[in-house]
Amino acid sequence: MKNDGEKTIYNFNCIDIKINGRNIEEGIWIYQSCDIKPGEIVRCVCATKFDLLKKISSGEIESLSFIYQMKNVLGECFNMAAELHFIPIEENHINVFDQISPVFKE
């Protein structure tokens, strides 16, 4: 994610991850917020305790959704989502389609 704006984004944080549209209640997700200055890039990393590629290849995982929250200098909250959809086409080959929502005020 890149901050193309002129102001710092405060408390940028992943607040939820969904697999196949369902919340994961297993407590395996760890989130850490950060501030993103104008022009800076932040890389969002997701690590799992299971073989993600195997579950995607088998069709068990068809989509991952990441819900992000951030604040401006006034403390107003905003959300956005990034969704990944996986379509296995043959062994070890997967098409990935991504969709990023617009940022909207909470």
N, C-alpha and C. Protein backbone atom coordinates (compact mmCIF):
# COMPACT_ATOMS: atom_id res chain seq x y z
N MET A 1 0.85 -1.16 0.00
CA MET A 1 0.00 0.00 0.00
C MET A 1 0.90 1.23 0.00
N LYS A 2 0.52 2.23 -0.79
CA LYS A 2 1.30 3.46 -0.85
C LYS A 2 0.41 4.63 -0.47
N ASN A 3 0.94 5.53 0.35
CA ASN A 3 0.23 6.74 0.71
C ASN A 3 0.52 7.78 -0.37
N ASP A 4 -0.44 7.96 -1.27
CA ASP A 4 -0.30 8.96 -2.34
C ASP A 4 -0.79 10.33 -1.90
N GLY A 5 -1.27 10.44 -0.67
CA GLY A 5 -1.80 11.70 -0.17
C GLY A 5 -0.72 12.65 0.32
N GLU A 6 -1.17 13.79 0.80
CA GLU A 6 -0.26 14.82 1.30
C GLU A 6 -0.12 14.79 2.81
N LYS A 7 -0.91 13.99 3.49
CA LYS A 7 -0.91 13.90 4.95
C LYS A 7 -0.57 12.48 5.39
N THR A 8 -0.08 12.36 6.61
CA THR A 8 0.24 11.06 7.18
C THR A 8 -1.05 10.29 7.48
N ILE A 9 -1.03 9.00 7.18
CA ILE A 9 -2.12 8.10 7.56
C ILE A 9 -1.73 7.52 8.91
N TYR A 10 -2.60 7.65 9.89
CA TYR A 10 -2.30 7.19 11.24
C TYR A 10 -2.99 5.86 11.54
N ASN A 11 -2.32 5.05 12.33
CA ASN A 11 -2.87 3.78 12.82
C ASN A 11 -3.40 2.88 11.71
N PHE A 12 -2.69 2.81 10.59
CA PHE A 12 -3.07 1.88 9.52
C PHE A 12 -2.94 0.47 10.08
N ASN A 13 -4.00 -0.32 9.97
CA ASN A 13 -4.02 -1.61 10.63
C ASN A 13 -4.99 -2.56 9.93
N CYS A 14 -4.60 -3.81 9.83
CA CYS A 14 -5.51 -4.85 9.36
C CYS A 14 -6.37 -5.23 10.56
N ILE A 15 -7.68 -5.08 10.43
CA ILE A 15 -8.55 -5.37 11.57
C ILE A 15 -9.31 -6.69 11.42
N ASP A 16 -9.28 -7.28 10.23
CA ASP A 16 -9.98 -8.54 10.04
C ASP A 16 -9.48 -9.24 8.78
N ILE A 17 -9.44 -10.55 8.85
CA ILE A 17 -9.11 -11.39 7.70
C ILE A 17 -10.20 -12.44 7.59
N LYS A 18 -10.68 -12.62 6.37
CA LYS A 18 -11.73 -13.62 6.14
C LYS A 18 -11.25 -14.61 5.09
N ILE A 19 -11.59 -15.87 5.29
CA ILE A 19 -11.33 -16.92 4.31
C ILE A 19 -12.69 -17.37 3.78
N ASN A 20 -12.85 -17.34 2.47
CA ASN A 20 -14.12 -17.70 1.82
C ASN A 20 -15.30 -16.94 2.43
N GLY A 21 -15.07 -15.67 2.78
CA GLY A 21 -16.11 -14.81 3.29
C GLY A 21 -16.47 -15.01 4.75
N ARG A 22 -15.76 -15.91 5.43
CA ARG A 22 -16.06 -16.19 6.84
C ARG A 22 -14.94 -15.68 7.74
N ASN A 23 -15.33 -15.13 8.89
CA ASN A 23 -14.35 -14.73 9.89
C ASN A 23 -13.64 -15.96 10.43
N ILE A 24 -12.38 -15.80 10.72
CA ILE A 24 -11.60 -16.89 11.30
C ILE A 24 -11.52 -16.64 12.80
N GLU A 25 -11.98 -17.57 13.58
CA GLU A 25 -12.07 -17.40 15.03
C GLU A 25 -10.95 -18.14 15.77
N GLU A 26 -9.97 -18.67 15.06
CA GLU A 26 -8.96 -19.52 15.68
C GLU A 26 -7.90 -18.76 16.45
N GLY A 27 -7.89 -17.42 16.37
CA GLY A 27 -6.90 -16.65 17.10
C GLY A 27 -5.50 -16.73 16.52
N ILE A 28 -5.38 -17.01 15.22
CA ILE A 28 -4.05 -17.14 14.62
C ILE A 28 -3.57 -15.83 14.00
N TRP A 29 -4.43 -14.81 13.98
CA TRP A 29 -4.07 -13.56 13.32
C TRP A 29 -3.48 -12.58 14.32
N ILE A 30 -2.40 -11.93 13.93
CA ILE A 30 -1.76 -10.90 14.75
C ILE A 30 -1.70 -9.63 13.91
N TYR A 31 -2.17 -8.54 14.47
CA TYR A 31 -2.19 -7.28 13.74
C TYR A 31 -1.29 -6.27 14.45
N GLN A 32 -0.66 -5.41 13.67
CA GLN A 32 0.16 -4.34 14.24
C GLN A 32 -0.06 -3.08 13.40
N SER A 33 -0.40 -1.99 14.05
CA SER A 33 -0.67 -0.76 13.33
C SER A 33 0.62 0.01 13.05
N CYS A 34 0.54 0.90 12.07
CA CYS A 34 1.68 1.75 11.74
C CYS A 34 1.17 3.05 11.14
N ASP A 35 2.02 4.07 11.16
CA ASP A 35 1.72 5.34 10.49
C ASP A 35 2.43 5.32 9.14
N ILE A 36 1.78 5.86 8.12
CA ILE A 36 2.36 5.90 6.77
C ILE A 36 2.47 7.35 6.34
N LYS A 37 3.71 7.82 6.21
CA LYS A 37 3.94 9.20 5.79
C LYS A 37 3.68 9.35 4.30
N PRO A 38 3.43 10.58 3.83
CA PRO A 38 3.20 10.80 2.40
C PRO A 38 4.33 10.21 1.55
N GLY A 39 3.95 9.47 0.52
CA GLY A 39 4.93 8.87 -0.39
C GLY A 39 5.50 7.55 0.09
N GLU A 40 5.25 7.17 1.35
CA GLU A 40 5.80 5.92 1.88
C GLU A 40 4.95 4.72 1.43
N ILE A 41 5.61 3.58 1.38
CA ILE A 41 4.97 2.32 1.05
C ILE A 41 5.03 1.42 2.27
N VAL A 42 3.92 0.73 2.54
CA VAL A 42 3.89 -0.27 3.61
C VAL A 42 3.55 -1.61 2.97
N ARG A 43 4.25 -2.64 3.40
CA ARG A 43 3.98 -3.98 2.90
C ARG A 43 3.21 -4.74 3.98
N CYS A 44 2.10 -5.32 3.57
CA CYS A 44 1.26 -6.07 4.50
C CYS A 44 1.57 -7.55 4.32
N VAL A 45 1.92 -8.20 5.41
CA VAL A 45 2.35 -9.60 5.37
C VAL A 45 1.33 -10.46 6.11
N CYS A 46 1.02 -11.58 5.52
CA CYS A 46 0.12 -12.55 6.15
C CYS A 46 0.85 -13.88 6.21
N ALA A 47 1.03 -14.40 7.40
CA ALA A 47 1.65 -15.72 7.59
C ALA A 47 0.62 -16.65 8.21
N THR A 48 0.62 -17.90 7.81
CA THR A 48 -0.35 -18.85 8.33
C THR A 48 0.36 -20.03 8.99
N LYS A 49 -0.39 -20.77 9.78
CA LYS A 49 0.12 -21.98 10.41
C LYS A 49 -0.19 -23.21 9.56
N PHE A 50 -0.73 -22.98 8.37
CA PHE A 50 -1.08 -24.10 7.49
C PHE A 50 -0.51 -23.81 6.11
N ASP A 51 -0.50 -24.81 5.25
CA ASP A 51 0.03 -24.68 3.90
C ASP A 51 -1.01 -23.96 3.03
N LEU A 52 -0.86 -22.65 2.92
CA LEU A 52 -1.82 -21.83 2.20
C LEU A 52 -1.93 -22.26 0.73
N LEU A 53 -0.81 -22.48 0.08
CA LEU A 53 -0.83 -22.87 -1.34
C LEU A 53 -1.57 -24.19 -1.54
N LYS A 54 -1.35 -25.13 -0.64
CA LYS A 54 -2.03 -26.44 -0.75
C LYS A 54 -3.54 -26.27 -0.63
N LYS A 55 -3.98 -25.44 0.32
CA LYS A 55 -5.42 -25.23 0.51
C LYS A 55 -6.04 -24.48 -0.67
N ILE A 56 -5.28 -23.57 -1.27
CA ILE A 56 -5.77 -22.86 -2.45
C ILE A 56 -5.82 -23.80 -3.64
N SER A 57 -4.75 -24.57 -3.85
CA SER A 57 -4.69 -25.51 -4.98
C SER A 57 -5.80 -26.55 -4.93
N SER A 58 -6.15 -27.00 -3.72
CA SER A 58 -7.19 -28.02 -3.57
C SER A 58 -8.60 -27.42 -3.69
N GLY A 59 -8.71 -26.11 -3.72
CA GLY A 59 -10.01 -25.46 -3.80
C GLY A 59 -10.66 -25.22 -2.45
N GLU A 60 -9.97 -25.62 -1.37
CA GLU A 60 -10.51 -25.39 -0.03
C GLU A 60 -10.60 -23.90 0.29
N ILE A 61 -9.62 -23.13 -0.17
CA ILE A 61 -9.65 -21.67 -0.01
C ILE A 61 -9.84 -21.06 -1.40
N GLU A 62 -10.98 -20.37 -1.55
CA GLU A 62 -11.29 -19.71 -2.82
C GLU A 62 -11.04 -18.21 -2.76
N SER A 63 -11.05 -17.65 -1.53
CA SER A 63 -10.83 -16.21 -1.42
C SER A 63 -10.27 -15.84 -0.06
N LEU A 64 -9.52 -14.75 -0.04
CA LEU A 64 -9.02 -14.13 1.19
C LEU A 64 -9.42 -12.67 1.13
N SER A 65 -9.93 -12.15 2.24
CA SER A 65 -10.29 -10.74 2.33
C SER A 65 -9.56 -10.12 3.52
N PHE A 66 -9.01 -8.96 3.30
CA PHE A 66 -8.31 -8.22 4.34
C PHE A 66 -9.03 -6.89 4.53
N ILE A 67 -9.45 -6.61 5.75
CA ILE A 67 -10.14 -5.36 6.07
C ILE A 67 -9.15 -4.48 6.83
N TYR A 68 -8.93 -3.27 6.31
CA TYR A 68 -7.98 -2.33 6.91
C TYR A 68 -8.72 -1.13 7.49
N GLN A 69 -8.14 -0.58 8.54
CA GLN A 69 -8.67 0.64 9.15
C GLN A 69 -7.53 1.63 9.31
N MET A 70 -7.85 2.91 9.19
CA MET A 70 -6.84 3.96 9.34
C MET A 70 -7.52 5.21 9.87
N LYS A 71 -6.71 6.17 10.33
CA LYS A 71 -7.24 7.43 10.86
C LYS A 71 -6.53 8.60 10.20
N ASN A 72 -7.21 9.75 10.19
CA ASN A 72 -6.57 10.98 9.73
C ASN A 72 -6.16 11.80 10.94
N VAL A 73 -5.64 13.01 10.71
CA VAL A 73 -5.14 13.85 11.81
C VAL A 73 -6.25 14.27 12.77
N LEU A 74 -7.49 14.24 12.33
CA LEU A 74 -8.62 14.59 13.19
C LEU A 74 -9.12 13.40 14.01
N GLY A 75 -8.56 12.22 13.76
CA GLY A 75 -8.99 11.03 14.48
C GLY A 75 -10.18 10.32 13.85
N GLU A 76 -10.60 10.77 12.66
CA GLU A 76 -11.71 10.11 11.97
C GLU A 76 -11.24 8.77 11.42
N CYS A 77 -12.09 7.74 11.54
CA CYS A 77 -11.74 6.39 11.08
C CYS A 77 -12.21 6.15 9.66
N PHE A 78 -11.40 5.44 8.91
CA PHE A 78 -11.72 5.06 7.53
C PHE A 78 -11.40 3.57 7.36
N ASN A 79 -12.13 2.91 6.48
CA ASN A 79 -11.90 1.50 6.19
C ASN A 79 -11.69 1.29 4.71
N MET A 80 -11.08 0.18 4.38
CA MET A 80 -10.96 -0.29 3.01
C MET A 80 -10.77 -1.79 3.05
N ALA A 81 -10.99 -2.45 1.94
CA ALA A 81 -10.83 -3.90 1.87
C ALA A 81 -10.01 -4.27 0.64
N ALA A 82 -9.24 -5.34 0.80
CA ALA A 82 -8.52 -5.94 -0.32
C ALA A 82 -8.95 -7.40 -0.39
N GLU A 83 -9.43 -7.82 -1.55
CA GLU A 83 -9.90 -9.19 -1.71
C GLU A 83 -9.09 -9.89 -2.79
N LEU A 84 -8.75 -11.13 -2.50
CA LEU A 84 -8.05 -11.98 -3.46
C LEU A 84 -8.93 -13.19 -3.74
N HIS A 85 -9.15 -13.49 -5.02
CA HIS A 85 -9.94 -14.65 -5.44
C HIS A 85 -9.01 -15.58 -6.21
N PHE A 86 -9.05 -16.86 -5.87
CA PHE A 86 -8.13 -17.84 -6.46
C PHE A 86 -8.91 -18.83 -7.32
N ILE A 87 -8.40 -19.06 -8.53
CA ILE A 87 -8.99 -20.04 -9.42
C ILE A 87 -7.89 -20.99 -9.88
N PRO A 88 -7.86 -22.22 -9.32
CA PRO A 88 -6.86 -23.20 -9.78
C PRO A 88 -7.14 -23.58 -11.23
N ILE A 89 -6.12 -23.53 -12.09
CA ILE A 89 -6.33 -23.89 -13.50
C ILE A 89 -5.67 -25.22 -13.84
N GLU A 90 -4.63 -25.58 -13.13
CA GLU A 90 -3.99 -26.90 -13.24
C GLU A 90 -3.04 -27.04 -12.07
N GLU A 91 -2.44 -28.19 -11.90
CA GLU A 91 -1.58 -28.41 -10.75
C GLU A 91 -0.49 -27.35 -10.67
N ASN A 92 -0.36 -26.72 -9.50
CA ASN A 92 0.63 -25.68 -9.20
C ASN A 92 0.47 -24.40 -10.03
N HIS A 93 -0.69 -24.20 -10.66
CA HIS A 93 -0.97 -22.96 -11.39
C HIS A 93 -2.32 -22.42 -10.95
N ILE A 94 -2.31 -21.17 -10.49
CA ILE A 94 -3.52 -20.56 -9.96
C ILE A 94 -3.65 -19.16 -10.52
N ASN A 95 -4.83 -18.83 -11.01
CA ASN A 95 -5.10 -17.44 -11.38
C ASN A 95 -5.55 -16.70 -10.13
N VAL A 96 -5.02 -15.50 -9.93
CA VAL A 96 -5.39 -14.68 -8.78
C VAL A 96 -6.00 -13.39 -9.30
N PHE A 97 -7.18 -13.08 -8.81
CA PHE A 97 -7.85 -11.84 -9.15
C PHE A 97 -7.96 -11.02 -7.87
N ASP A 98 -7.53 -9.77 -7.94
CA ASP A 98 -7.59 -8.93 -6.75
C ASP A 98 -8.55 -7.76 -6.97
N GLN A 99 -9.10 -7.30 -5.88
CA GLN A 99 -10.03 -6.17 -5.91
C GLN A 99 -9.79 -5.35 -4.65
N ILE A 100 -9.53 -4.06 -4.84
CA ILE A 100 -9.33 -3.14 -3.72
C ILE A 100 -10.52 -2.19 -3.67
N SER A 101 -11.15 -2.09 -2.51
CA SER A 101 -12.30 -1.19 -2.39
C SER A 101 -11.81 0.24 -2.23
N PRO A 102 -12.66 1.20 -2.52
CA PRO A 102 -12.32 2.59 -2.20
C PRO A 102 -12.26 2.75 -0.68
N VAL A 103 -11.54 3.76 -0.23
CA VAL A 103 -11.50 4.09 1.19
C VAL A 103 -12.81 4.80 1.53
N PHE A 104 -13.46 4.34 2.61
CA PHE A 104 -14.71 4.97 3.01
C PHE A 104 -14.70 5.28 4.50
N LYS A 105 -15.41 6.34 4.86
CA LYS A 105 -15.47 6.79 6.25
C LYS A 105 -16.34 5.84 7.06
N GLU A 106 -15.87 5.48 8.23
CA GLU A 106 -16.59 4.55 9.11
C GLU A 106 -17.80 5.19 9.72
